[in-house]
């Protein structure tokens, strides 16, 4: 039986659906097979994708929907906000990395980060412009060793990402042995840690990011103590003797500002310096924007 809706041309249905956001579009996905097929052609379905987190009440269905959205990109540029690292989703992500332009991954365990590293080692990302990675494991009590993740040396198949200019890593360390080619064009870098900065950071940030012009470093204020380990002294010396001539803006938050003051980083070489340390006991990871040059982007933590 033909209904009045069946006689509405596809072009008119698409014109209506194209004005919807993804949440508004979802009812059309379950209306009928025709409307579902038309809805999946709309930019709201495939352009800006967010995968489900572990708290999703119907995780299996949400995972299948996320995979369908990834498949619908069909070679077109898209952005991805990855919550967790589920194998079903990562396998589809790997097939579409060549047209991904923005990746924001929030990882909650060492196993998830390992799975993400494995997936991203297999593929190149020639159109990727922004990469954000937050490692959200609970660091535990003060008596426990700090917990942070490490990126794979073969990230993005060990190839350069010519359009990748913005990177934010939160509680993520870099490989110590060799530089990552994918970061060779990065000009805006933010490294944030909710653990001791000297325990998490790689000894040579500038090796990994040779083109950086805007640098933001942050860690909670903590007692630096009476002395440093040999490894910590190596990190401090790297920053103290680095060539800052190409840096146009630096942002030092919490412990990083205290370290810069105490160990005489040559900040006078940098045109724009922003610092904040007082009462900065935790660093909230703001979702956007990645950088706001000349503005406070992280506020001191206030007790409730």
Protein backbone atom coordinates (compact mmCIF):
# COMPACT_ATOMS: atom_id res chain seq x y z
CA UNK A 1 0.00 0.00 0.00
CA UNK A 2 1.38 3.38 -1.05
CA UNK A 3 1.14 6.17 1.50
CA UNK A 4 1.34 9.92 1.02
CA UNK A 5 4.87 9.88 2.44
CA UNK A 6 5.93 7.33 -0.19
CA UNK A 7 5.05 9.85 -2.88
CA UNK A 8 7.31 12.56 -1.42
CA UNK A 9 10.37 12.84 -3.72
CA UNK A 10 13.77 11.85 -2.33
CA UNK A 11 15.07 15.34 -3.07
CA UNK A 12 12.47 16.92 -0.79
CA UNK A 13 13.12 14.42 2.00
CA UNK A 14 16.85 15.09 1.76
CA UNK A 15 16.25 18.84 1.78
CA UNK A 16 14.38 18.45 5.07
CA UNK A 17 16.82 16.02 6.66
CA UNK A 18 19.84 18.11 5.66
CA UNK A 19 18.72 20.78 8.12
CA UNK A 20 18.84 18.33 11.05
CA UNK A 21 21.63 17.70 13.51
CA UNK A 22 22.52 14.10 14.32
CA UNK A 23 20.21 13.84 17.34
CA UNK A 24 17.30 15.15 15.28
CA UNK A 25 18.20 12.78 12.48
CA UNK A 26 18.10 9.61 14.58
CA UNK A 27 14.28 9.08 14.47
CA UNK A 28 14.47 9.02 10.66
CA UNK A 29 16.87 6.09 10.89
CA UNK A 30 14.14 3.90 12.34
CA UNK A 31 11.19 5.19 10.27
CA UNK A 32 11.60 2.86 7.28
CA UNK A 33 14.34 1.51 5.03
CA UNK A 34 13.92 4.36 2.54
CA UNK A 35 14.21 7.10 5.14
CA UNK A 36 17.11 5.30 6.81
CA UNK A 37 19.00 5.18 3.51
CA UNK A 38 18.30 8.86 2.87
CA UNK A 39 19.26 9.88 6.42
CA UNK A 40 22.61 8.10 6.06
CA UNK A 41 23.40 10.33 3.08
CA UNK A 42 23.07 13.49 5.18
CA UNK A 43 26.25 15.26 6.42
CA UNK A 44 24.96 15.16 10.00
CA UNK A 45 25.15 11.37 9.87
CA UNK A 46 28.78 11.03 8.78
CA UNK A 47 30.66 14.34 9.09
CA UNK A 48 31.18 14.63 12.88
CA UNK A 49 31.21 11.22 14.57
CA UNK A 50 31.35 10.44 18.28
CA UNK A 51 31.72 6.85 19.40
CA UNK A 52 29.95 5.54 22.53
CA UNK A 53 31.61 5.42 25.92
CA UNK A 54 31.49 2.56 28.40
CA UNK A 55 28.56 4.18 30.22
CA UNK A 56 26.34 3.91 27.12
CA UNK A 57 23.25 1.89 28.23
CA UNK A 58 22.92 0.06 24.90
CA UNK A 59 26.57 -0.28 23.98
CA UNK A 60 26.18 -2.93 21.27
CA UNK A 61 23.61 -0.94 19.31
CA UNK A 62 25.56 2.30 19.74
CA UNK A 63 28.74 0.58 18.53
CA UNK A 64 26.99 -0.72 15.40
CA UNK A 65 25.60 2.75 14.72
CA UNK A 66 29.07 4.32 15.10
CA UNK A 67 30.51 1.78 12.65
CA UNK A 68 27.71 2.52 10.16
CA UNK A 69 28.46 6.23 10.41
CA UNK A 70 32.15 5.59 9.78
CA UNK A 71 31.34 3.47 6.72
CA UNK A 72 29.06 6.25 5.42
CA UNK A 73 31.97 8.72 5.23
CA UNK A 74 32.78 7.02 1.92
CA UNK A 75 36.02 8.88 1.26
CA UNK A 76 34.76 12.27 2.49
CA UNK A 77 36.53 14.29 5.17
CA UNK A 78 35.19 13.78 8.68
CA UNK A 79 35.98 14.37 12.35
CA UNK A 80 36.05 11.68 15.04
CA UNK A 81 35.68 11.81 18.80
CA UNK A 82 36.71 8.44 20.11
CA UNK A 83 35.57 7.43 23.60
CA UNK A 84 37.42 4.26 24.45
CA UNK A 85 39.08 1.87 22.02
CA UNK A 86 36.70 -0.93 21.10
CA UNK A 87 38.12 -3.43 18.55
CA UNK A 88 34.97 -3.34 16.38
CA UNK A 89 35.21 0.43 16.02
CA UNK A 90 39.01 0.61 15.66
CA UNK A 91 38.97 -1.84 12.76
CA UNK A 92 36.56 0.42 10.87
CA UNK A 93 38.44 3.58 11.87
CA UNK A 94 41.63 2.11 10.39
CA UNK A 95 39.88 1.70 7.04
CA UNK A 96 38.93 5.39 6.90
CA UNK A 97 41.97 7.15 8.41
CA UNK A 98 43.06 8.41 4.99
CA UNK A 99 40.24 11.00 5.00
CA UNK A 100 40.08 11.81 8.73
CA UNK A 101 40.88 15.45 9.48
CA UNK A 102 40.30 15.70 13.27
CA UNK A 103 40.85 12.99 15.91
CA UNK A 104 40.01 13.42 19.60
CA UNK A 105 40.60 10.18 21.52
CA UNK A 106 39.76 9.72 25.20
CA UNK A 107 41.35 6.52 26.45
CA UNK A 108 40.61 4.97 29.83
CA UNK A 109 43.09 2.13 30.31
CA UNK A 110 46.50 0.82 29.33
CA UNK A 111 44.86 -1.95 27.30
CA UNK A 112 42.76 0.59 25.37
CA UNK A 113 45.82 2.70 24.60
CA UNK A 114 47.66 -0.41 23.39
CA UNK A 115 44.73 -1.22 21.10
CA UNK A 116 44.69 2.35 19.77
CA UNK A 117 48.46 2.28 19.18
CA UNK A 118 48.11 -0.99 17.25
CA UNK A 119 45.31 0.42 15.07
CA UNK A 120 47.11 3.70 14.33
CA UNK A 121 50.39 1.94 13.47
CA UNK A 122 48.74 0.33 10.46
CA UNK A 123 47.56 3.40 8.60
CA UNK A 124 48.62 6.80 7.32
CA UNK A 125 46.62 9.98 7.98
CA UNK A 126 47.49 12.44 5.19
CA UNK A 127 44.55 14.80 5.88
CA UNK A 128 44.73 14.84 9.68
CA UNK A 129 45.05 18.41 10.97
CA UNK A 130 44.36 18.08 14.72
CA UNK A 131 45.18 15.20 17.07
CA UNK A 132 44.07 15.18 20.72
CA UNK A 133 44.73 12.25 23.04
CA UNK A 134 43.68 12.10 26.68
CA UNK A 135 44.75 9.17 28.83
CA UNK A 136 42.19 9.17 31.62
CA UNK A 137 43.35 6.45 33.99
CA UNK A 138 42.94 7.28 37.68
CA UNK A 139 46.45 7.97 38.91
CA UNK A 140 45.62 6.61 42.35
CA UNK A 141 46.89 7.82 45.67
CA UNK A 142 50.05 9.80 46.26
CA UNK A 143 51.79 6.61 47.36
CA UNK A 144 51.30 4.91 43.98
CA UNK A 145 53.47 5.34 40.92
CA UNK A 146 52.11 7.83 38.39
CA UNK A 147 50.12 6.26 35.60
CA UNK A 148 50.32 7.58 32.06
CA UNK A 149 50.35 6.14 28.56
CA UNK A 150 53.01 6.15 25.85
CA UNK A 151 52.52 6.63 22.12
CA UNK A 152 53.77 4.02 19.69
CA UNK A 153 56.99 4.88 17.78
CA UNK A 154 55.25 3.79 14.54
CA UNK A 155 52.23 6.09 14.91
CA UNK A 156 50.36 6.60 11.60
CA UNK A 157 52.49 3.97 9.88
CA UNK A 158 55.64 5.95 10.67
CA UNK A 159 54.79 8.42 7.91
CA UNK A 160 54.67 12.21 7.96
CA UNK A 161 51.31 13.94 8.34
CA UNK A 162 51.83 17.15 6.34
CA UNK A 163 48.60 18.81 7.51
CA UNK A 164 48.93 17.87 11.20
CA UNK A 165 49.68 21.22 12.88
CA UNK A 166 47.86 20.96 16.23
CA UNK A 167 48.46 18.33 18.91
CA UNK A 168 47.27 18.02 22.51
CA UNK A 169 48.46 15.14 24.71
CA UNK A 170 47.12 14.73 28.25
CA UNK A 171 48.90 12.26 30.54
CA UNK A 172 50.57 10.78 27.46
CA UNK A 173 54.33 10.32 27.10
CA UNK A 174 56.33 10.26 23.88
CA UNK A 175 58.79 7.56 22.75
CA UNK A 176 62.28 8.21 24.05
CA UNK A 177 64.30 6.51 21.33
CA UNK A 178 63.40 8.30 18.09
CA UNK A 179 61.26 11.12 16.73
CA UNK A 180 57.77 10.54 15.37
CA UNK A 181 57.64 11.63 11.68
CA UNK A 182 53.90 12.32 11.95
CA UNK A 183 54.64 15.30 14.25
CA UNK A 184 57.19 16.99 12.00
CA UNK A 185 54.76 19.74 10.85
CA UNK A 186 53.14 20.46 14.24
CA UNK A 187 53.20 24.18 15.11
CA UNK A 188 50.80 24.21 18.10
CA UNK A 189 51.51 21.78 20.94
CA UNK A 190 49.95 21.29 24.34
CA UNK A 191 51.30 18.75 26.84
CA UNK A 192 49.26 18.42 30.03
CA UNK A 193 49.85 16.06 32.92
CA UNK A 194 47.96 15.33 36.11
CA UNK A 195 51.13 13.64 37.33
CA UNK A 196 54.64 14.94 37.98
CA UNK A 197 55.77 16.63 34.77
CA UNK A 198 59.34 15.37 35.14
CA UNK A 199 58.11 11.78 35.46
CA UNK A 200 55.90 11.86 32.37
CA UNK A 201 57.53 14.06 29.77
CA UNK A 202 60.02 12.79 27.20
CA UNK A 203 63.55 14.18 27.63
CA UNK A 204 63.44 15.90 24.24
CA UNK A 205 60.10 17.45 23.27
CA UNK A 206 61.80 19.47 20.54
CA UNK A 207 63.08 16.32 18.85
CA UNK A 208 59.50 15.19 18.27
CA UNK A 209 58.13 18.64 17.39
CA UNK A 210 60.84 20.49 15.42
CA UNK A 211 58.42 23.03 13.89
CA UNK A 212 56.53 24.03 17.05
CA UNK A 213 55.81 27.75 17.45
CA UNK A 214 53.16 27.71 20.19
CA UNK A 215 53.95 25.54 23.21
CA UNK A 216 51.80 24.89 26.27
CA UNK A 217 53.10 22.80 29.19
CA UNK A 218 51.10 22.06 32.30
CA UNK A 219 51.20 19.93 35.44
CA UNK A 220 49.75 20.37 38.95
CA UNK A 221 51.80 22.35 41.46
CA UNK A 222 53.75 19.99 43.71
CA UNK A 223 56.78 20.08 45.96
CA UNK A 224 59.81 19.88 43.70
CA UNK A 225 61.88 18.68 46.63
CA UNK A 226 65.50 19.15 47.53
CA UNK A 227 67.02 17.47 44.49
CA UNK A 228 66.44 15.86 41.14
CA UNK A 229 67.20 12.43 39.77
CA UNK A 230 69.65 12.02 36.89
CA UNK A 231 66.78 11.54 34.45
CA UNK A 232 64.96 14.62 35.75
CA UNK A 233 68.12 16.68 35.42
CA UNK A 234 68.38 15.52 31.81
CA UNK A 235 64.84 16.74 31.10
CA UNK A 236 65.51 20.08 32.82
CA UNK A 237 68.74 20.56 30.88
CA UNK A 238 66.94 19.90 27.59
CA UNK A 239 64.48 22.69 28.32
CA UNK A 240 67.14 25.02 29.74
CA UNK A 241 69.43 24.75 26.71
CA UNK A 242 66.80 24.39 23.96
CA UNK A 243 66.69 26.81 21.04
CA UNK A 244 63.54 28.87 21.58
CA UNK A 245 64.14 31.22 18.68
CA UNK A 246 61.22 29.87 16.65
CA UNK A 247 58.80 29.79 19.61
CA UNK A 248 56.34 32.68 19.38
CA UNK A 249 54.16 31.81 22.38
CA UNK A 250 54.70 29.67 25.45
CA UNK A 251 52.24 28.84 28.20
CA UNK A 252 53.57 27.38 31.47
CA UNK A 253 51.05 26.12 33.98
CA UNK A 254 51.47 24.92 37.55
CA UNK A 255 54.65 22.92 38.15
CA UNK A 256 56.05 23.79 34.71
CA UNK A 257 56.23 27.49 35.59
CA UNK A 258 57.87 26.68 38.92
CA UNK A 259 60.46 24.54 37.12
CA UNK A 260 61.11 27.23 34.52
CA UNK A 261 61.75 29.80 37.25
CA UNK A 262 63.88 27.56 39.44
CA UNK A 263 66.05 26.15 36.63
CA UNK A 264 66.39 29.31 34.51
CA UNK A 265 64.71 28.45 31.23
CA UNK A 266 65.65 31.21 28.72
CA UNK A 267 62.12 32.59 28.38
CA UNK A 268 63.42 36.03 27.44
CA UNK A 269 63.88 34.67 23.91
CA UNK A 270 60.11 34.20 23.50
CA UNK A 271 57.86 37.13 22.46
CA UNK A 272 54.74 35.98 24.35
CA UNK A 273 54.90 34.19 27.71
CA UNK A 274 51.89 33.27 29.83
CA UNK A 275 52.37 31.69 33.26
CA UNK A 276 50.07 30.50 36.03
CA UNK A 277 51.06 28.58 39.14
CA UNK A 278 49.18 29.80 42.22
CA UNK A 279 46.64 27.27 43.52
CA UNK A 280 46.88 25.25 40.32
CA UNK A 281 46.40 21.87 41.99
CA UNK A 282 44.67 20.10 39.10
CA UNK A 283 44.40 20.65 35.38
CA UNK A 284 40.99 20.22 33.78
CA UNK A 285 41.26 19.18 30.15
CA UNK A 286 39.08 21.66 28.31
CA UNK A 287 37.45 20.25 25.16
CA UNK A 288 37.85 23.34 22.98
CA UNK A 289 39.45 25.34 21.62
CA UNK A 290 42.80 23.62 21.42
CA UNK A 291 44.62 26.93 21.76
CA UNK A 292 43.59 30.48 22.63
CA UNK A 293 46.74 32.51 22.22
CA UNK A 294 47.04 35.28 24.78
CA UNK A 295 44.12 34.09 26.91
CA UNK A 296 43.85 32.00 30.05
CA UNK A 297 42.75 28.57 28.93
CA UNK A 298 43.13 26.69 32.22
CA UNK A 299 41.76 28.22 35.38
CA UNK A 300 43.12 27.37 38.87
CA UNK A 301 41.16 24.63 40.59
CA UNK A 302 38.66 25.92 43.12
CA UNK A 303 37.46 23.80 46.03
CA UNK A 304 33.73 23.30 46.11
